[in-house]
Amino acid sequence: MELEQINAIERATRYGRAEVFRFGLAVLFLVGIMLYVRSIGADTPNMVILVAAAMIGGYMAMNIGANDVANNVGPAVGSKALTLAGAIAIAAIFEASGALIAGGDVVSTIKKGIIDPALIGDSNTFIWLMIAALLAAALWLNAATYVGAPVSTTHSIVGGVMGAGIAAGGTDIVDWGQFGQIVASWVISPVLGGAIAALTLYLIKRRITYQRDIAEAAKYNVPLFVAMMAWAFATYLVIKGLGKVVDIGLLPAVFIGAIGGILVWRLTKWFIARLPSEVENSKAGVDSLFTFPLIFSAALLSFAHGANDVANAVGPLAAINEAVLQGGVATKAAIPTWVMLVGALGIALGLALFGPKLIRTVGSEITELDRMRAFCIAMAAAITVIIASQLGLPVSSTHIAIGGVFGVGFLREHLKTTYRKKIDEIEAHHAGKDRAVVERILEEFEAASFEEKGTILKNLKSKSGTPTPISKSERKGLKKVYRQELVKRSAVLKIVAAWLITVPLSGVLAAILFFTIRGMLLP
C-alpha cells in the first residue's frame, strides 16, 4: 500500500520536477553569462549595469527561442513530417548557425527607428531606457509563451523601446509614422500570409488531389511545387541571410533562387521516378512526397530567423555595451562576439527548454495540418517576406506564419462546406431513386476530376425542376458546424488578442520599469 502511494506521489509531481529542471538550466545559463561578462570586463566602469543587461539579454534570447521559433517548425511537427525532438534539434542548430554566421557585425540599436535617439539626454538615460525595453519585451514574451500565444518578438521590443522612450523623452521622441506602419502590419502580415498559403493549397488540390489519377498528377506537379518553394527559399535566404553580409539586390537574388529552383526540380523528378514503389494513388500517397521539402524548409526558416531576429535580443544589448564602454548614444553598434553568443545560445536553449508548448499550438491546436498544408504555410512565409521587403511593407514573420495556418484552415472550411452543398444538390436531384443508384452516382462524382465535377453539376443545374437541397438557414448552420470542426475559434481569438496588446502592453511595462530603474539608480 505504501509503495502504491509513493508511486502515485511520484506521478503527481513528475510535471513539477520537469519544470524545476528546465528553470534550473535557464538560471544556470544566466549565471554563466554573469560570470563570463564579469570576467572579461573586471576594470570597466558601470560593470554591474553591463552584467545585468547581459543577463536580461540572455533572458530575452531564451524567450525568443521559446515563442518565435515555433512558427518555423510547428507546421512540420503538426503534420508529422518531424518529431518534436527532431524539430527542436534542427531548429536549435540552424537558429544558432544563422545568428552566428549571418547575424551581421553591426546592428541597429533602435529597432525600426521607432524613437529619435537625439532627443535622449545622456548615455545613462539611454542605458536605462534600453534595459527597461529589453526586460519589458522579455517579460511579455514569457507571459505569452506561458498562455500558449505566439506573438511577434519584433513588436515586443518595438513596444518596449517606444514605451521607455516616451518615459524618458516624452511623446515627441516617437516616430508616429513608423508606428502607424507597425500597426498596419498587424493586418498586412496575417492577411498576406494567409492568402498565399490558401492559394498554394488550392493550386495543389486543383493540380493534384482533385485529379482522377492522383499518382500521375503528383509525378508531374510535385517537382514543380517543390521547385517553386526552392526558388522562394533561395531568394529569401539570399535577401535575409547573405544580405546581412553582402549587399545583394532583388534581381540577383531572384536569379540565384531560380538556379536553385531548377536544380531542385530536376533532383525531385529524378527522386520520384526512382522511388522503390509506385506513388500511392491517394492523398496520403501524395502527402508523403512533401516530407523532405518540409524538413528542409524548417531548417532554412530557422537559419533565416536566427540571422534576422537575433537582433531583437542583441541589438539593445549591443547598444548598452557601446554606451557603457564608449559613452554616448549610438543608433548602430558593433556586436562583440560574446554578445552574439548570448543571443545565439539563448535562442537555442529557450527553444529546447520551453519551445514545445508553442510548437504544439502552431502545429496542431489551431487546425489539423498534413504535409501538403504545412508545405503551403512554409511557402507562404518565404514568398510573403520577399514581396513585403521589396514593397516596403511592414510585416512580422510570426504573423505571417500564423496567418498561413489560419488561411489553410479557413480554405478547408470553405471547400468542405462547398463540397457538402454539391453532394446535397446531387442527392436532391435524384430523390426517390433507388439508394444503390444514388450511391453509385456519388462514387462517380467523388472519383471525377475537378473539371469533370463542374460538368456534372452544370448538367444537373441545366435540368429544370431541381428542388433546392437545403434552405439558407440550414446552409448557415452547416457552415458553422464545419468551421467549428476545422478551425478552433478560441485559439484564433486568443492569438489575435495577444497580437493587439503586444505593443501597448510592452510599452506600458517598459515605462514602469524605466521609472523604477531610474529611481533606484539616481542618488
Protein backbone atom coordinates (compact mmCIF):
# COMPACT_ATOMS: atom_id res chain seq x y z
CA MET A 1 0.00 0.00 0.00
CA GLU A 2 2.80 2.40 0.90
CA LEU A 3 4.60 1.61 -2.39
CA GLU A 4 1.43 2.43 -4.37
CA GLN A 5 1.12 5.75 -2.55
CA ILE A 6 4.76 6.59 -3.28
CA ASN A 7 4.23 5.81 -6.98
CA ALA A 8 1.12 7.99 -7.03
CA ILE A 9 3.03 10.87 -5.46
CA GLU A 10 5.86 10.50 -7.99
CA ARG A 11 3.41 10.57 -10.89
CA ALA A 12 1.71 13.66 -9.47
CA THR A 13 4.98 15.54 -9.04
CA ARG A 14 6.59 14.47 -12.35
CA TYR A 15 5.44 17.61 -14.17
CA GLY A 16 6.70 19.82 -11.37
CA ARG A 17 10.12 18.16 -11.42
CA ALA A 18 10.41 18.74 -15.16
CA GLU A 19 9.52 22.42 -14.70
CA VAL A 20 12.08 22.80 -11.93
CA PHE A 21 14.73 21.13 -14.12
CA ARG A 22 14.03 23.49 -17.04
CA PHE A 23 14.00 26.51 -14.75
CA GLY A 24 17.29 25.38 -13.19
CA LEU A 25 19.02 25.09 -16.56
CA ALA A 26 17.77 28.54 -17.56
CA VAL A 27 19.12 30.02 -14.30
CA LEU A 28 22.48 28.29 -14.84
CA PHE A 29 22.68 29.88 -18.32
CA LEU A 30 22.07 33.34 -16.86
CA VAL A 31 24.59 32.76 -14.07
CA GLY A 32 27.11 31.65 -16.69
CA ILE A 33 26.53 34.91 -18.59
CA MET A 34 27.04 36.88 -15.38
CA LEU A 35 30.32 35.16 -14.54
CA TYR A 36 31.69 35.42 -18.09
CA VAL A 37 30.87 39.10 -18.60
CA ARG A 38 32.26 39.91 -15.16
CA SER A 39 35.50 38.12 -16.02
CA ILE A 40 36.10 39.93 -19.33
CA GLY A 41 35.42 43.43 -18.02
CA ALA A 42 36.67 43.45 -14.45
CA ASP A 43 38.03 47.01 -14.66
CA THR A 44 35.20 48.50 -16.73
CA PRO A 45 33.19 51.30 -15.10
CA ASN A 46 29.49 50.51 -14.66
CA MET A 47 30.30 46.81 -14.93
CA VAL A 48 27.32 45.93 -12.73
CA ILE A 49 24.98 47.55 -15.24
CA LEU A 50 26.58 45.70 -18.16
CA VAL A 51 26.36 42.37 -16.32
CA ALA A 52 22.69 42.98 -15.52
CA ALA A 53 22.00 43.96 -19.16
CA ALA A 54 23.77 40.84 -20.43
CA MET A 55 21.65 38.61 -18.21
CA ILE A 56 18.47 40.36 -19.37
CA GLY A 57 19.63 39.95 -22.98
CA GLY A 58 20.11 36.21 -22.36
CA TYR A 59 16.64 36.05 -20.81
CA MET A 60 15.19 37.81 -23.86
CA ALA A 61 17.00 35.41 -26.22
CA MET A 62 15.57 32.40 -24.39
CA ASN A 63 12.08 33.83 -24.71
CA ILE A 64 12.59 34.39 -28.45
CA GLY A 65 13.55 30.72 -28.74
CA ALA A 66 10.58 29.60 -26.66
CA ASN A 67 7.99 31.65 -28.56
CA ASP A 68 9.08 32.81 -32.02
CA VAL A 69 10.90 29.73 -33.30
CA ALA A 70 7.73 27.62 -33.03
CA ASN A 71 6.48 29.30 -36.19
CA ASN A 72 9.32 27.79 -38.21
CA VAL A 73 8.93 24.16 -37.11
CA GLY A 74 5.37 23.96 -35.72
CA PRO A 75 3.69 23.07 -39.05
CA ALA A 76 6.30 20.37 -39.77
CA VAL A 77 5.68 18.82 -36.33
CA GLY A 78 1.90 19.12 -36.62
CA SER A 79 1.98 17.34 -39.98
CA LYS A 80 4.24 14.61 -38.50
CA ALA A 81 6.99 15.31 -41.03
CA LEU A 82 9.24 15.83 -38.00
CA THR A 83 9.10 14.54 -34.46
CA LEU A 84 9.11 17.14 -31.70
CA ALA A 85 12.64 16.16 -30.64
CA GLY A 86 13.88 16.23 -34.24
CA ALA A 87 12.32 19.63 -34.86
CA ILE A 88 13.89 21.08 -31.72
CA ALA A 89 17.33 19.71 -32.67
CA ILE A 90 17.14 21.05 -36.25
CA ALA A 91 15.78 24.44 -35.19
CA ALA A 92 18.32 24.87 -32.38
CA ILE A 93 21.26 24.10 -34.68
CA PHE A 94 20.08 26.28 -37.57
CA GLU A 95 18.87 29.17 -35.38
CA ALA A 96 22.27 29.37 -33.69
CA SER A 97 24.08 28.95 -37.03
CA GLY A 98 22.02 31.71 -38.65
CA ALA A 99 22.73 34.07 -35.77
CA LEU A 100 26.47 33.39 -35.72
CA ILE A 101 27.11 33.10 -39.47
CA ALA A 102 24.73 35.66 -40.95
CA GLY A 103 23.70 37.76 -37.97
CA GLY A 104 25.98 40.59 -39.12
CA ASP A 105 28.74 42.57 -37.48
CA VAL A 106 26.73 45.74 -36.86
CA VAL A 107 23.16 46.02 -35.57
CA SER A 108 20.61 48.81 -35.40
CA THR A 109 20.19 49.68 -31.74
CA ILE A 110 16.83 51.49 -32.12
CA LYS A 111 14.59 48.79 -33.61
CA LYS A 112 12.61 50.01 -36.64
CA GLY A 113 13.72 53.62 -35.92
CA ILE A 114 10.73 53.94 -33.62
CA ILE A 115 12.33 56.70 -31.48
CA ASP A 116 14.78 59.53 -32.16
CA PRO A 117 17.92 58.92 -30.07
CA ALA A 118 18.99 62.56 -30.49
CA LEU A 119 16.26 63.51 -28.02
CA ILE A 120 17.69 61.28 -25.29
CA GLY A 121 19.52 63.38 -22.72
CA ASP A 122 22.64 61.36 -21.85
CA SER A 123 24.20 57.91 -22.05
CA ASN A 124 22.91 56.88 -18.61
CA THR A 125 19.33 57.64 -19.61
CA PHE A 126 19.86 55.70 -22.83
CA ILE A 127 21.19 52.70 -20.89
CA TRP A 128 18.20 52.71 -18.51
CA LEU A 129 15.84 53.06 -21.50
CA MET A 130 17.29 50.06 -23.33
CA ILE A 131 17.41 47.89 -20.19
CA ALA A 132 13.75 48.69 -19.47
CA ALA A 133 12.76 47.96 -23.09
CA LEU A 134 14.65 44.67 -23.16
CA LEU A 135 13.26 43.46 -19.83
CA ALA A 136 9.69 44.50 -20.68
CA ALA A 137 9.78 42.67 -24.03
CA ALA A 138 11.23 39.56 -22.39
CA LEU A 139 8.60 39.54 -19.63
CA TRP A 140 5.74 39.89 -22.12
CA LEU A 141 7.16 37.09 -24.31
CA ASN A 142 7.46 34.92 -21.20
CA ALA A 143 3.81 35.55 -20.32
CA ALA A 144 2.64 34.94 -23.91
CA THR A 145 4.53 31.67 -24.05
CA TYR A 146 3.00 30.60 -20.75
CA VAL A 147 -0.55 31.06 -22.09
CA GLY A 148 0.34 29.50 -25.45
CA ALA A 149 0.05 32.61 -27.65
CA PRO A 150 2.63 33.03 -30.47
CA VAL A 151 3.44 36.76 -30.69
CA SER A 152 5.93 38.92 -32.57
CA THR A 153 9.24 39.38 -30.77
CA THR A 154 9.97 42.36 -33.03
CA HIS A 155 6.73 44.07 -31.96
CA SER A 156 7.55 43.24 -28.34
CA ILE A 157 10.91 45.03 -28.44
CA VAL A 158 9.46 47.89 -30.51
CA GLY A 159 6.75 48.41 -27.89
CA GLY A 160 9.36 48.28 -25.14
CA VAL A 161 11.62 50.85 -26.81
CA MET A 162 8.65 53.11 -27.56
CA GLY A 163 7.26 52.96 -24.01
CA ALA A 164 10.61 53.53 -22.33
CA GLY A 165 11.40 56.25 -24.90
CA ILE A 166 8.21 58.14 -24.07
CA ALA A 167 9.00 57.82 -20.37
CA ALA A 168 12.49 59.21 -20.99
CA GLY A 169 11.81 61.96 -23.53
CA GLY A 170 8.07 62.49 -23.97
CA THR A 171 5.76 61.69 -26.88
CA ASP A 172 7.78 63.77 -29.37
CA ILE A 173 10.55 61.18 -29.24
CA VAL A 174 8.40 58.62 -31.12
CA ASP A 175 8.22 58.44 -34.92
CA TRP A 176 4.44 58.07 -35.10
CA GLY A 177 4.52 57.50 -38.86
CA GLN A 178 6.73 54.47 -38.29
CA PHE A 179 4.42 53.33 -35.52
CA GLY A 180 1.48 53.57 -37.93
CA GLN A 181 3.28 51.19 -40.29
CA ILE A 182 3.78 48.73 -37.45
CA VAL A 183 0.06 48.89 -36.65
CA ALA A 184 -0.66 48.25 -40.34
CA SER A 185 1.48 45.11 -40.17
CA TRP A 186 -1.00 43.61 -37.69
CA VAL A 187 -3.37 43.30 -40.66
CA ILE A 188 -0.98 43.05 -43.61
CA SER A 189 1.13 40.18 -42.28
CA PRO A 190 -1.56 37.59 -41.46
CA VAL A 191 -3.78 38.51 -44.42
CA LEU A 192 -0.93 38.29 -46.94
CA GLY A 193 0.48 35.10 -45.40
CA GLY A 194 -2.96 33.51 -45.19
CA ALA A 195 -3.87 34.42 -48.76
CA ILE A 196 -0.65 32.99 -50.21
CA ALA A 197 -0.90 29.79 -48.15
CA ALA A 198 -4.55 29.29 -49.13
CA LEU A 199 -3.82 29.96 -52.82
CA THR A 200 -0.92 27.48 -52.80
CA LEU A 201 -3.08 24.80 -51.17
CA TYR A 202 -5.89 25.40 -53.66
CA LEU A 203 -3.44 25.05 -56.58
CA ILE A 204 -2.13 21.77 -55.14
CA LYS A 205 -5.67 20.47 -54.82
CA ARG A 206 -6.61 21.58 -58.34
CA ARG A 207 -3.44 20.21 -59.93
CA ILE A 208 -3.05 17.00 -57.91
CA THR A 209 -5.61 15.77 -55.38
CA TYR A 210 -8.68 16.79 -57.43
CA GLN A 211 -7.47 14.81 -60.45
CA ARG A 212 -8.77 11.36 -61.34
CA ASP A 213 -5.23 9.88 -61.47
CA ILE A 214 -3.66 11.44 -58.38
CA ALA A 215 -0.41 9.48 -58.64
CA GLU A 216 0.26 10.54 -62.23
CA ALA A 217 -0.62 14.15 -61.47
CA ALA A 218 1.73 14.07 -58.49
CA LYS A 219 4.68 12.83 -60.55
CA TYR A 220 4.40 15.85 -62.81
CA ASN A 221 3.28 18.56 -60.40
CA VAL A 222 5.06 17.82 -57.10
CA PRO A 223 8.51 18.60 -58.61
CA LEU A 224 7.10 21.92 -59.85
CA PHE A 225 5.73 22.89 -56.45
CA VAL A 226 8.93 21.84 -54.69
CA ALA A 227 10.96 23.83 -57.24
CA MET A 228 8.78 26.89 -56.58
CA MET A 229 9.45 26.50 -52.90
CA ALA A 230 13.20 26.13 -53.50
CA TRP A 231 13.16 29.27 -55.64
CA ALA A 232 11.31 31.21 -52.97
CA PHE A 233 13.57 29.99 -50.16
CA ALA A 234 16.80 30.53 -52.05
CA THR A 235 15.72 34.10 -52.84
CA TYR A 236 14.57 34.59 -49.25
CA LEU A 237 17.86 33.35 -47.80
CA VAL A 238 19.95 35.47 -50.15
CA ILE A 239 17.97 38.59 -49.22
CA LYS A 240 17.55 37.96 -45.48
CA GLY A 241 20.70 35.93 -44.81
CA LEU A 242 23.52 36.88 -47.20
CA GLY A 243 22.06 40.37 -47.39
CA LYS A 244 23.36 40.87 -43.86
CA VAL A 245 26.90 40.28 -45.07
CA VAL A 246 26.89 41.39 -48.73
CA ASP A 247 24.61 43.96 -50.38
CA ILE A 248 22.55 41.95 -52.90
CA GLY A 249 19.67 43.40 -54.91
CA LEU A 250 16.37 41.74 -55.72
CA LEU A 251 17.15 40.71 -59.32
CA PRO A 252 20.44 38.92 -58.49
CA ALA A 253 18.69 37.22 -55.56
CA VAL A 254 15.82 36.09 -57.80
CA PHE A 255 18.33 34.80 -60.38
CA ILE A 256 20.23 32.82 -57.76
CA GLY A 257 16.92 31.49 -56.48
CA ALA A 258 15.87 30.45 -59.99
CA ILE A 259 19.06 28.43 -60.43
CA GLY A 260 18.37 26.70 -57.13
CA GLY A 261 14.77 26.05 -58.16
CA ILE A 262 15.79 24.43 -61.46
CA LEU A 263 18.32 22.17 -59.73
CA VAL A 264 15.73 21.12 -57.13
CA TRP A 265 13.13 20.48 -59.87
CA ARG A 266 15.47 18.08 -61.69
CA LEU A 267 16.52 16.39 -58.45
CA THR A 268 12.89 15.93 -57.30
CA LYS A 269 11.84 14.50 -60.67
CA TRP A 270 14.75 12.05 -60.51
CA PHE A 271 13.88 11.08 -56.93
CA ILE A 272 10.18 10.43 -57.63
CA ALA A 273 10.96 8.44 -60.77
CA ARG A 274 13.27 6.16 -58.78
CA LEU A 275 11.07 5.53 -55.78
CA PRO A 276 11.21 1.85 -54.76
CA SER A 277 7.44 1.58 -55.23
CA GLU A 278 4.86 3.50 -57.22
CA VAL A 279 3.31 6.56 -55.66
CA GLU A 280 0.05 5.53 -53.98
CA ASN A 281 -2.95 6.84 -55.92
CA SER A 282 -4.38 8.70 -52.91
CA LYS A 283 -3.98 11.92 -50.93
CA ALA A 284 -1.92 10.04 -48.35
CA GLY A 285 0.48 8.85 -51.05
CA VAL A 286 0.96 12.39 -52.36
CA ASP A 287 1.26 13.77 -48.84
CA SER A 288 4.33 11.63 -48.18
CA LEU A 289 6.17 13.29 -51.08
CA PHE A 290 6.23 16.59 -49.20
CA THR A 291 8.13 15.22 -46.19
CA PHE A 292 11.68 16.13 -47.22
CA PRO A 293 10.76 19.61 -48.55
CA LEU A 294 9.12 20.33 -45.19
CA ILE A 295 12.19 19.26 -43.23
CA PHE A 296 14.44 21.45 -45.36
CA SER A 297 12.03 24.38 -45.10
CA ALA A 298 12.04 24.12 -41.29
CA ALA A 299 15.83 24.20 -41.30
CA LEU A 300 16.08 27.10 -43.74
CA LEU A 301 13.40 29.15 -41.99
CA SER A 302 15.23 28.63 -38.70
CA PHE A 303 18.53 29.75 -40.25
CA ALA A 304 17.00 32.90 -41.71
CA HIS A 305 15.14 33.61 -38.47
CA GLY A 306 18.33 33.26 -36.45
CA ALA A 307 20.13 35.65 -38.81
CA ASN A 308 17.35 38.23 -38.70
CA ASP A 309 15.61 38.10 -35.32
CA VAL A 310 18.63 37.57 -33.09
CA ALA A 311 18.90 41.36 -33.32
CA ASN A 312 15.83 41.62 -31.07
CA ALA A 313 17.97 40.34 -28.23
CA VAL A 314 21.48 41.50 -29.16
CA GLY A 315 20.53 44.93 -30.56
CA PRO A 316 19.63 46.55 -27.23
CA LEU A 317 22.44 44.63 -25.50
CA ALA A 318 24.99 45.83 -28.08
CA ALA A 319 23.70 49.38 -27.58
CA ILE A 320 24.11 49.13 -23.81
CA ASN A 321 27.59 47.65 -24.22
CA GLU A 322 28.58 50.51 -26.54
CA ALA A 323 27.17 53.14 -24.16
CA VAL A 324 28.93 51.61 -21.12
CA LEU A 325 32.31 51.24 -22.82
CA GLN A 326 32.37 54.31 -25.08
CA GLY A 327 29.73 56.64 -23.67
CA GLY A 328 27.17 58.46 -25.79
CA VAL A 329 24.15 57.21 -27.71
CA ALA A 330 24.65 55.13 -30.87
CA THR A 331 21.99 54.32 -33.48
CA LYS A 332 24.21 51.49 -34.74
CA ALA A 333 26.69 49.43 -32.75
CA ALA A 334 29.25 46.71 -33.40
CA ILE A 335 28.30 43.32 -32.00
CA PRO A 336 31.04 41.78 -29.83
CA THR A 337 31.41 38.02 -30.16
CA TRP A 338 30.21 37.41 -26.62
CA VAL A 339 27.01 39.41 -27.28
CA MET A 340 26.21 37.35 -30.38
CA LEU A 341 26.90 34.14 -28.44
CA VAL A 342 24.46 35.22 -25.74
CA GLY A 343 21.80 35.70 -28.42
CA ALA A 344 22.53 32.50 -30.37
CA LEU A 345 22.87 30.16 -27.38
CA GLY A 346 19.93 31.77 -25.59
CA ILE A 347 17.60 31.20 -28.57
CA ALA A 348 18.70 27.56 -28.88
CA LEU A 349 18.36 26.90 -25.15
CA GLY A 350 14.97 28.63 -24.88
CA LEU A 351 13.66 26.56 -27.77
CA ALA A 352 14.90 23.28 -26.26
CA LEU A 353 13.57 24.01 -22.76
CA PHE A 354 10.33 25.90 -23.33
CA GLY A 355 9.57 25.69 -27.06
CA PRO A 356 7.43 22.50 -27.20
CA LYS A 357 4.31 24.26 -25.89
CA LEU A 358 4.18 26.82 -28.71
CA ILE A 359 5.26 24.23 -31.29
CA ARG A 360 2.19 22.18 -30.41
CA THR A 361 -0.02 25.27 -30.50
CA VAL A 362 1.09 26.25 -34.01
CA GLY A 363 1.27 22.70 -35.31
CA SER A 364 -1.96 21.15 -34.07
CA GLU A 365 -4.10 23.37 -31.83
CA ILE A 366 -5.40 25.81 -34.47
CA THR A 367 -6.28 23.49 -37.34
CA GLU A 368 -5.30 19.99 -38.42
CA LEU A 369 -2.24 20.01 -40.66
CA ASP A 370 -1.00 17.38 -43.08
CA ARG A 371 2.25 17.75 -45.02
CA MET A 372 0.69 19.44 -48.03
CA ARG A 373 -0.90 22.09 -45.82
CA ALA A 374 2.30 22.60 -43.82
CA PHE A 375 4.20 22.91 -47.11
CA CYS A 376 1.85 25.73 -48.16
CA ILE A 377 2.45 27.58 -44.88
CA ALA A 378 6.23 27.37 -45.30
CA MET A 379 5.94 28.54 -48.91
CA ALA A 380 3.79 31.49 -47.82
CA ALA A 381 6.34 32.51 -45.19
CA ALA A 382 9.13 32.81 -47.75
CA ILE A 383 7.12 34.46 -50.52
CA THR A 384 5.42 36.98 -48.22
CA VAL A 385 8.69 38.22 -46.75
CA ILE A 386 10.17 38.67 -50.24
CA ILE A 387 7.15 40.59 -51.51
CA ALA A 388 6.88 42.72 -48.38
CA SER A 389 10.58 43.58 -48.22
CA GLN A 390 10.59 44.80 -51.80
CA LEU A 391 7.37 46.81 -51.47
CA GLY A 392 8.47 48.28 -48.16
CA LEU A 393 5.51 46.75 -46.33
CA PRO A 394 5.98 46.19 -42.58
CA VAL A 395 5.42 42.52 -41.80
CA SER A 396 6.01 40.15 -38.90
CA SER A 397 7.33 36.62 -39.52
CA THR A 398 5.19 35.39 -36.61
CA HIS A 399 2.02 36.94 -38.01
CA ILE A 400 2.80 35.59 -41.49
CA ALA A 401 3.21 32.02 -40.26
CA ILE A 402 0.11 32.07 -38.06
CA GLY A 403 -1.79 33.80 -40.84
CA GLY A 404 -0.76 30.94 -43.11
CA VAL A 405 -2.20 28.44 -40.62
CA PHE A 406 -5.43 30.45 -40.48
CA GLY A 407 -5.57 30.70 -44.28
CA VAL A 408 -5.18 26.95 -44.74
CA GLY A 409 -7.81 26.23 -42.09
CA PHE A 410 -10.38 28.66 -43.45
CA LEU A 411 -9.87 27.40 -47.01
CA ARG A 412 -10.53 23.87 -45.79
CA GLU A 413 -13.73 25.09 -44.14
CA HIS A 414 -14.86 26.73 -47.38
CA LEU A 415 -14.05 23.71 -49.51
CA LYS A 416 -15.71 21.28 -47.11
CA THR A 417 -18.86 23.38 -46.92
CA THR A 418 -18.97 23.84 -50.70
CA TYR A 419 -18.46 20.12 -51.31
CA ARG A 420 -21.24 19.21 -48.89
CA LYS A 421 -23.54 21.58 -50.74
CA LYS A 422 -22.69 19.86 -54.04
CA ILE A 423 -23.45 16.43 -52.56
CA ASP A 424 -26.79 17.71 -51.27
CA GLU A 425 -27.64 19.05 -54.72
CA ILE A 426 -26.92 15.68 -56.33
CA GLU A 427 -28.94 13.78 -53.73
CA ALA A 428 -31.84 16.21 -54.02
CA HIS A 429 -31.87 15.86 -57.81
CA HIS A 430 -32.01 12.04 -57.54
CA ALA A 431 -34.52 12.00 -54.68
CA GLY A 432 -36.84 9.00 -54.87
CA LYS A 433 -34.42 6.82 -56.80
CA ASP A 434 -33.03 3.55 -55.50
CA ARG A 435 -30.36 4.23 -52.85
CA ALA A 436 -27.84 1.94 -54.57
CA VAL A 437 -28.16 4.04 -57.73
CA VAL A 438 -27.64 7.26 -55.79
CA GLU A 439 -24.58 5.82 -54.01
CA ARG A 440 -23.09 4.81 -57.37
CA ILE A 441 -23.63 8.32 -58.76
CA LEU A 442 -21.97 9.83 -55.68
CA GLU A 443 -18.99 7.48 -56.04
CA GLU A 444 -18.58 8.52 -59.66
CA PHE A 445 -18.74 12.18 -58.60
CA GLU A 446 -16.13 11.55 -55.89
CA ALA A 447 -13.74 9.89 -58.38
CA ALA A 448 -14.18 12.60 -61.05
CA SER A 449 -11.57 15.28 -61.63
CA PHE A 450 -12.23 18.90 -60.70
CA GLU A 451 -13.26 19.77 -64.26
CA GLU A 452 -15.49 16.70 -64.54
CA LYS A 453 -17.24 17.59 -61.26
CA GLY A 454 -18.01 21.01 -62.67
CA THR A 455 -19.51 19.46 -65.81
CA ILE A 456 -21.68 17.08 -63.77
CA LEU A 457 -23.09 19.93 -61.66
CA LYS A 458 -23.62 22.12 -64.71
CA ASN A 459 -25.67 19.36 -66.34
CA LEU A 460 -27.75 18.99 -63.17
CA LYS A 461 -28.49 22.71 -63.00
CA SER A 462 -29.45 22.83 -66.68
CA LYS A 463 -32.32 20.44 -65.97
CA SER A 464 -35.46 22.20 -64.81
CA GLY A 465 -37.37 21.30 -61.71
CA THR A 466 -34.38 20.58 -59.48
CA PRO A 467 -35.50 21.31 -55.91
CA THR A 468 -33.45 23.48 -53.57
CA PRO A 469 -31.47 20.96 -51.49
CA ILE A 470 -31.36 22.97 -48.26
CA SER A 471 -32.64 26.31 -47.01
CA LYS A 472 -30.46 29.35 -46.34
CA SER A 473 -30.76 28.92 -42.56
CA GLU A 474 -29.78 25.23 -42.85
CA ARG A 475 -26.82 26.17 -45.05
CA LYS A 476 -25.60 28.70 -42.48
CA GLY A 477 -25.89 26.06 -39.78
CA LEU A 478 -23.92 23.61 -41.90
CA LYS A 479 -21.15 26.17 -42.44
CA LYS A 480 -20.99 26.80 -38.69
CA VAL A 481 -20.55 23.10 -37.99
CA TYR A 482 -17.65 22.79 -40.43
CA ARG A 483 -15.93 25.92 -39.15
CA GLN A 484 -16.07 24.72 -35.58
CA GLU A 485 -14.61 21.41 -36.63
CA LEU A 486 -11.73 22.67 -38.75
CA VAL A 487 -10.53 25.91 -37.11
CA LYS A 488 -10.58 26.45 -33.35
CA ARG A 489 -12.13 29.87 -32.82
CA SER A 490 -10.89 30.05 -29.24
CA ALA A 491 -7.29 29.75 -30.45
CA VAL A 492 -7.86 32.39 -33.12
CA LEU A 493 -9.33 34.88 -30.64
CA LYS A 494 -6.57 34.27 -28.09
CA ILE A 495 -3.80 34.79 -30.64
CA VAL A 496 -5.33 37.88 -32.24
CA ALA A 497 -5.92 39.43 -28.81
CA ALA A 498 -2.27 38.79 -27.90
CA TRP A 499 -1.14 40.44 -31.14
CA LEU A 500 -3.22 43.55 -30.48
CA ILE A 501 -1.91 44.11 -26.95
CA THR A 502 1.75 43.27 -27.61
CA VAL A 503 2.97 46.78 -28.45
CA PRO A 504 0.89 48.75 -25.90
CA LEU A 505 1.45 46.26 -23.09
CA SER A 506 5.21 46.07 -23.71
CA GLY A 507 5.28 49.87 -23.86
CA VAL A 508 3.45 50.41 -20.57
CA LEU A 509 5.57 47.79 -18.82
CA ALA A 510 8.79 49.35 -20.19
CA ALA A 511 7.74 52.80 -19.00
CA ILE A 512 7.07 51.46 -15.49
CA LEU A 513 10.42 49.66 -15.46
CA PHE A 514 12.24 52.76 -16.72
CA PHE A 515 10.88 54.92 -13.90
CA THR A 516 11.66 52.15 -11.40
CA ILE A 517 15.25 51.67 -12.60
CA ARG A 518 15.91 55.40 -12.80
CA GLY A 519 14.52 55.89 -9.31
CA MET A 520 16.76 53.15 -7.95
CA LEU A 521 19.93 54.44 -9.64
CA LEU A 522 19.53 58.17 -9.09
CA PRO A 523 21.35 59.45 -5.98
